[in-house]
C-alpha cells in the first residue's frame, strides 16, 4: 500500500472515531470505489512532498457544536498520523460538509 493511501485510511478512521462526527464525506459505495482507483479522494485529500498537508471533510451529528468537533477531529488526526507514520502534519484543514439528520423517530 502506498503512503498516501495509508495516510488517507488513518485520517478517515481518526475522523470517524471523533465525538460528533456522523461520517467522513465521500464514504458512500461509489465514492469509496472512486477513491480506490484514484479518481476521488473519499473525503480525505493528502498532499505530500517536503510538507504533509491533509484536508478532511466531515458530516456532523445533529446538535453538536461544529467548532468543537473540528477541533476534536484535528487533534485526533494529528495524533494518529504522527503515531502510525512518524510524520508530523504541516497543514491540516477540517471542513464541515454537512449535518446528518437526527436518527430515530420524530419527537
C-alpha atoms as a PDB file:
ATOM      1  CA  UNK A   1       0.000   0.000   0.000  1.00  0.00           C
ATOM      2  CA  UNK A   2       1.388   3.387  -0.890  1.00  0.00           C
ATOM      3  CA  UNK A   3       1.938   6.041   1.771  1.00  0.00           C
ATOM      4  CA  UNK A   4      -0.809   8.363   0.524  1.00  0.00           C
ATOM      5  CA  UNK A   5      -3.464   5.632   0.707  1.00  0.00           C
ATOM      6  CA  UNK A   6      -2.236   4.608   4.173  1.00  0.00           C
ATOM      7  CA  UNK A   7      -2.460   8.193   5.417  1.00  0.00           C
ATOM      8  CA  UNK A   8      -5.973   8.581   3.945  1.00  0.00           C
ATOM      9  CA  UNK A   9      -7.086   5.465   5.816  1.00  0.00           C
ATOM     10  CA  UNK A  10      -5.536   6.672   9.080  1.00  0.00           C
ATOM     11  CA  UNK A  11      -7.149  10.105   8.720  1.00  0.00           C
ATOM     12  CA  UNK A  12     -10.542   8.666   7.833  1.00  0.00           C
ATOM     13  CA  UNK A  13     -10.525   6.283  10.809  1.00  0.00           C
ATOM     14  CA  UNK A  14      -9.361   9.009  13.217  1.00  0.00           C
ATOM     15  CA  UNK A  15     -12.028  11.428  12.000  1.00  0.00           C
ATOM     16  CA  UNK A  16     -14.820   8.822  12.202  1.00  0.00           C
ATOM     17  CA  UNK A  17     -13.840   7.977  15.768  1.00  0.00           C
ATOM     18  CA  UNK A  18     -14.067  11.618  16.883  1.00  0.00           C
ATOM     19  CA  UNK A  19     -17.067  12.613  19.005  1.00  0.00           C
ATOM     20  CA  UNK A  20     -19.737  14.365  16.960  1.00  0.00           C
ATOM     21  CA  UNK A  21     -18.685  13.057  13.545  1.00  0.00           C
ATOM     22  CA  UNK A  22     -21.502  11.216  11.776  1.00  0.00           C
ATOM     23  CA  UNK A  23     -19.371  10.347   8.729  1.00  0.00           C
ATOM     24  CA  UNK A  24     -16.412  11.368   6.656  1.00  0.00           C
ATOM     25  CA  UNK A  25     -17.728  12.888   3.433  1.00  0.00           C
ATOM     26  CA  UNK A  26     -17.407  10.636   0.427  1.00  0.00           C
ATOM     27  CA  UNK A  27     -17.876   7.331   2.248  1.00  0.00           C
ATOM     28  CA  UNK A  28     -20.679   6.047   0.040  1.00  0.00           C
ATOM     29  CA  UNK A  29     -20.056   2.911  -2.034  1.00  0.00           C
ATOM     30  CA  UNK A  30     -19.388   4.789  -5.287  1.00  0.00           C
ATOM     31  CA  UNK A  31     -17.127   7.321  -3.592  1.00  0.00           C
ATOM     32  CA  UNK A  32     -15.094   4.534  -1.939  1.00  0.00           C
ATOM     33  CA  UNK A  33     -14.680   2.772  -5.288  1.00  0.00           C
ATOM     34  CA  UNK A  34     -13.626   6.015  -6.985  1.00  0.00           C
ATOM     35  CA  UNK A  35     -11.094   6.649  -4.199  1.00  0.00           C
ATOM     36  CA  UNK A  36      -9.622   3.169  -4.618  1.00  0.00           C
ATOM     37  CA  UNK A  37      -8.981   3.683  -8.319  1.00  0.00           C
ATOM     38  CA  UNK A  38      -7.613   7.165  -7.686  1.00  0.00           C
ATOM     39  CA  UNK A  39     -10.293   9.382  -9.255  1.00  0.00           C
ATOM     40  CA  UNK A  40     -11.713  10.732  -5.985  1.00  0.00           C
ATOM     41  CA  UNK A  41     -10.410  11.405  -2.512  1.00  0.00           C
ATOM     42  CA  UNK A  42     -13.077   9.709  -0.391  1.00  0.00           C
ATOM     43  CA  UNK A  43     -13.411  12.835   1.747  1.00  0.00           C
ATOM     44  CA  UNK A  44      -9.695  12.939   2.578  1.00  0.00           C
ATOM     45  CA  UNK A  45      -7.054  14.630   0.428  1.00  0.00           C
ATOM     46  CA  UNK A  46      -3.358  14.166   1.092  1.00  0.00           C
ATOM     47  CA  UNK A  47      -0.661  16.380  -0.390  1.00  0.00           C
ATOM     48  CA  UNK A  48       2.832  15.005   0.010  1.00  0.00           C
ATOM     49  CA  UNK A  49       6.277  16.251  -0.697  1.00  0.00           C
ATOM     50  CA  UNK A  50       8.500  18.110   1.709  1.00  0.00           C
ATOM     51  CA  UNK A  51       5.402  19.118   3.647  1.00  0.00           C
ATOM     52  CA  UNK A  52       2.496  16.857   4.544  1.00  0.00           C
ATOM     53  CA  UNK A  53      -0.859  18.556   4.026  1.00  0.00           C
ATOM     54  CA  UNK A  54      -4.234  16.965   4.722  1.00  0.00           C
ATOM     55  CA  UNK A  55      -7.783  18.105   4.034  1.00  0.00           C
ATOM     56  CA  UNK A  56     -10.666  16.134   5.564  1.00  0.00           C
ATOM     57  CA  UNK A  57     -14.403  16.714   5.034  1.00  0.00           C
ATOM     58  CA  UNK A  58     -16.802  15.535   7.738  1.00  0.00           C
ATOM     59  CA  UNK A  59     -20.542  15.395   8.345  1.00  0.00           C
ATOM     60  CA  UNK A  60     -21.607  16.249  11.885  1.00  0.00           C
ATOM     61  CA  UNK A  61     -24.161  14.598  14.095  1.00  0.00           C
ATOM     62  CA  UNK A  62     -27.135  16.873  14.750  1.00  0.00           C
ATOM     63  CA  UNK A  63     -26.898  19.180  17.754  1.00  0.00           C
ATOM     64  CA  UNK A  64     -23.124  19.083  18.182  1.00  0.00           C
ATOM     65  CA  UNK A  65     -21.101  22.358  18.042  1.00  0.00           C
ATOM     66  CA  UNK A  66     -19.166  22.435  14.770  1.00  0.00           C
ATOM     67  CA  UNK A  67     -16.115  24.246  16.165  1.00  0.00           C
ATOM     68  CA  UNK A  68     -15.631  21.688  18.932  1.00  0.00           C
ATOM     69  CA  UNK A  69     -15.997  18.755  16.534  1.00  0.00           C
ATOM     70  CA  UNK A  70     -13.490  20.291  14.107  1.00  0.00           C
ATOM     71  CA  UNK A  71     -11.005  20.759  16.963  1.00  0.00           C
ATOM     72  CA  UNK A  72     -11.536  17.146  18.101  1.00  0.00           C
ATOM     73  CA  UNK A  73     -11.016  15.855  14.555  1.00  0.00           C
ATOM     74  CA  UNK A  74      -7.850  17.920  14.111  1.00  0.00           C
ATOM     75  CA  UNK A  75      -6.391  16.642  17.377  1.00  0.00           C
ATOM     76  CA  UNK A  76      -7.255  13.001  16.621  1.00  0.00           C
ATOM     77  CA  UNK A  77      -5.898  13.170  13.062  1.00  0.00           C
ATOM     78  CA  UNK A  78      -2.628  14.824  14.093  1.00  0.00           C
ATOM     79  CA  UNK A  79      -2.087  12.274  16.865  1.00  0.00           C
ATOM     80  CA  UNK A  80      -2.869   9.177  14.763  1.00  0.00           C
ATOM     81  CA  UNK A  81      -0.827  10.224  11.729  1.00  0.00           C
ATOM     82  CA  UNK A  82       2.195  11.044  13.910  1.00  0.00           C
ATOM     83  CA  UNK A  83       1.797   7.805  15.864  1.00  0.00           C
ATOM     84  CA  UNK A  84       1.372   5.496  12.875  1.00  0.00           C
ATOM     85  CA  UNK A  85       3.681   7.085  10.295  1.00  0.00           C
ATOM     86  CA  UNK A  86       6.144   9.084  12.366  1.00  0.00           C
ATOM     87  CA  UNK A  87       5.413  12.162  10.246  1.00  0.00           C
ATOM     88  CA  UNK A  88       4.075  15.436  11.582  1.00  0.00           C
ATOM     89  CA  UNK A  89       1.319  17.171   9.647  1.00  0.00           C
ATOM     90  CA  UNK A  90       2.407  20.562   8.327  1.00  0.00           C
ATOM     91  CA  UNK A  91      -1.045  21.717   7.205  1.00  0.00           C
ATOM     92  CA  UNK A  92      -4.427  20.326   8.293  1.00  0.00           C
ATOM     93  CA  UNK A  93      -7.821  21.591   7.144  1.00  0.00           C
ATOM     94  CA  UNK A  94     -11.033  20.167   8.608  1.00  0.00           C
ATOM     95  CA  UNK A  95     -14.177  21.134   6.698  1.00  0.00           C
ATOM     96  CA  UNK A  96     -17.692  20.540   7.961  1.00  0.00           C
ATOM     97  CA  UNK A  97     -19.520  19.365   4.842  1.00  0.00           C
ATOM     98  CA  UNK A  98     -22.947  18.984   6.379  1.00  0.00           C
ATOM     99  CA  UNK A  99     -25.046  17.876   9.298  1.00  0.00           C
ATOM    100  CA  UNK A 100     -26.553  14.406   9.384  1.00  0.00           C
ATOM    101  CA  UNK A 101     -30.279  14.322  10.130  1.00  0.00           C
ATOM    102  CA  UNK A 102     -31.165  13.061  13.590  1.00  0.00           C
ATOM    103  CA  UNK A 103     -31.822   9.336  13.732  1.00  0.00           C
ATOM    104  CA  UNK A 104     -34.765   7.739  15.403  1.00  0.00           C
ATOM    105  CA  UNK A 105     -38.458   8.540  15.444  1.00  0.00           C
ATOM    106  CA  UNK A 106     -39.558  12.182  15.333  1.00  0.00           C
ATOM    107  CA  UNK A 107     -40.366  13.798  18.668  1.00  0.00           C
END
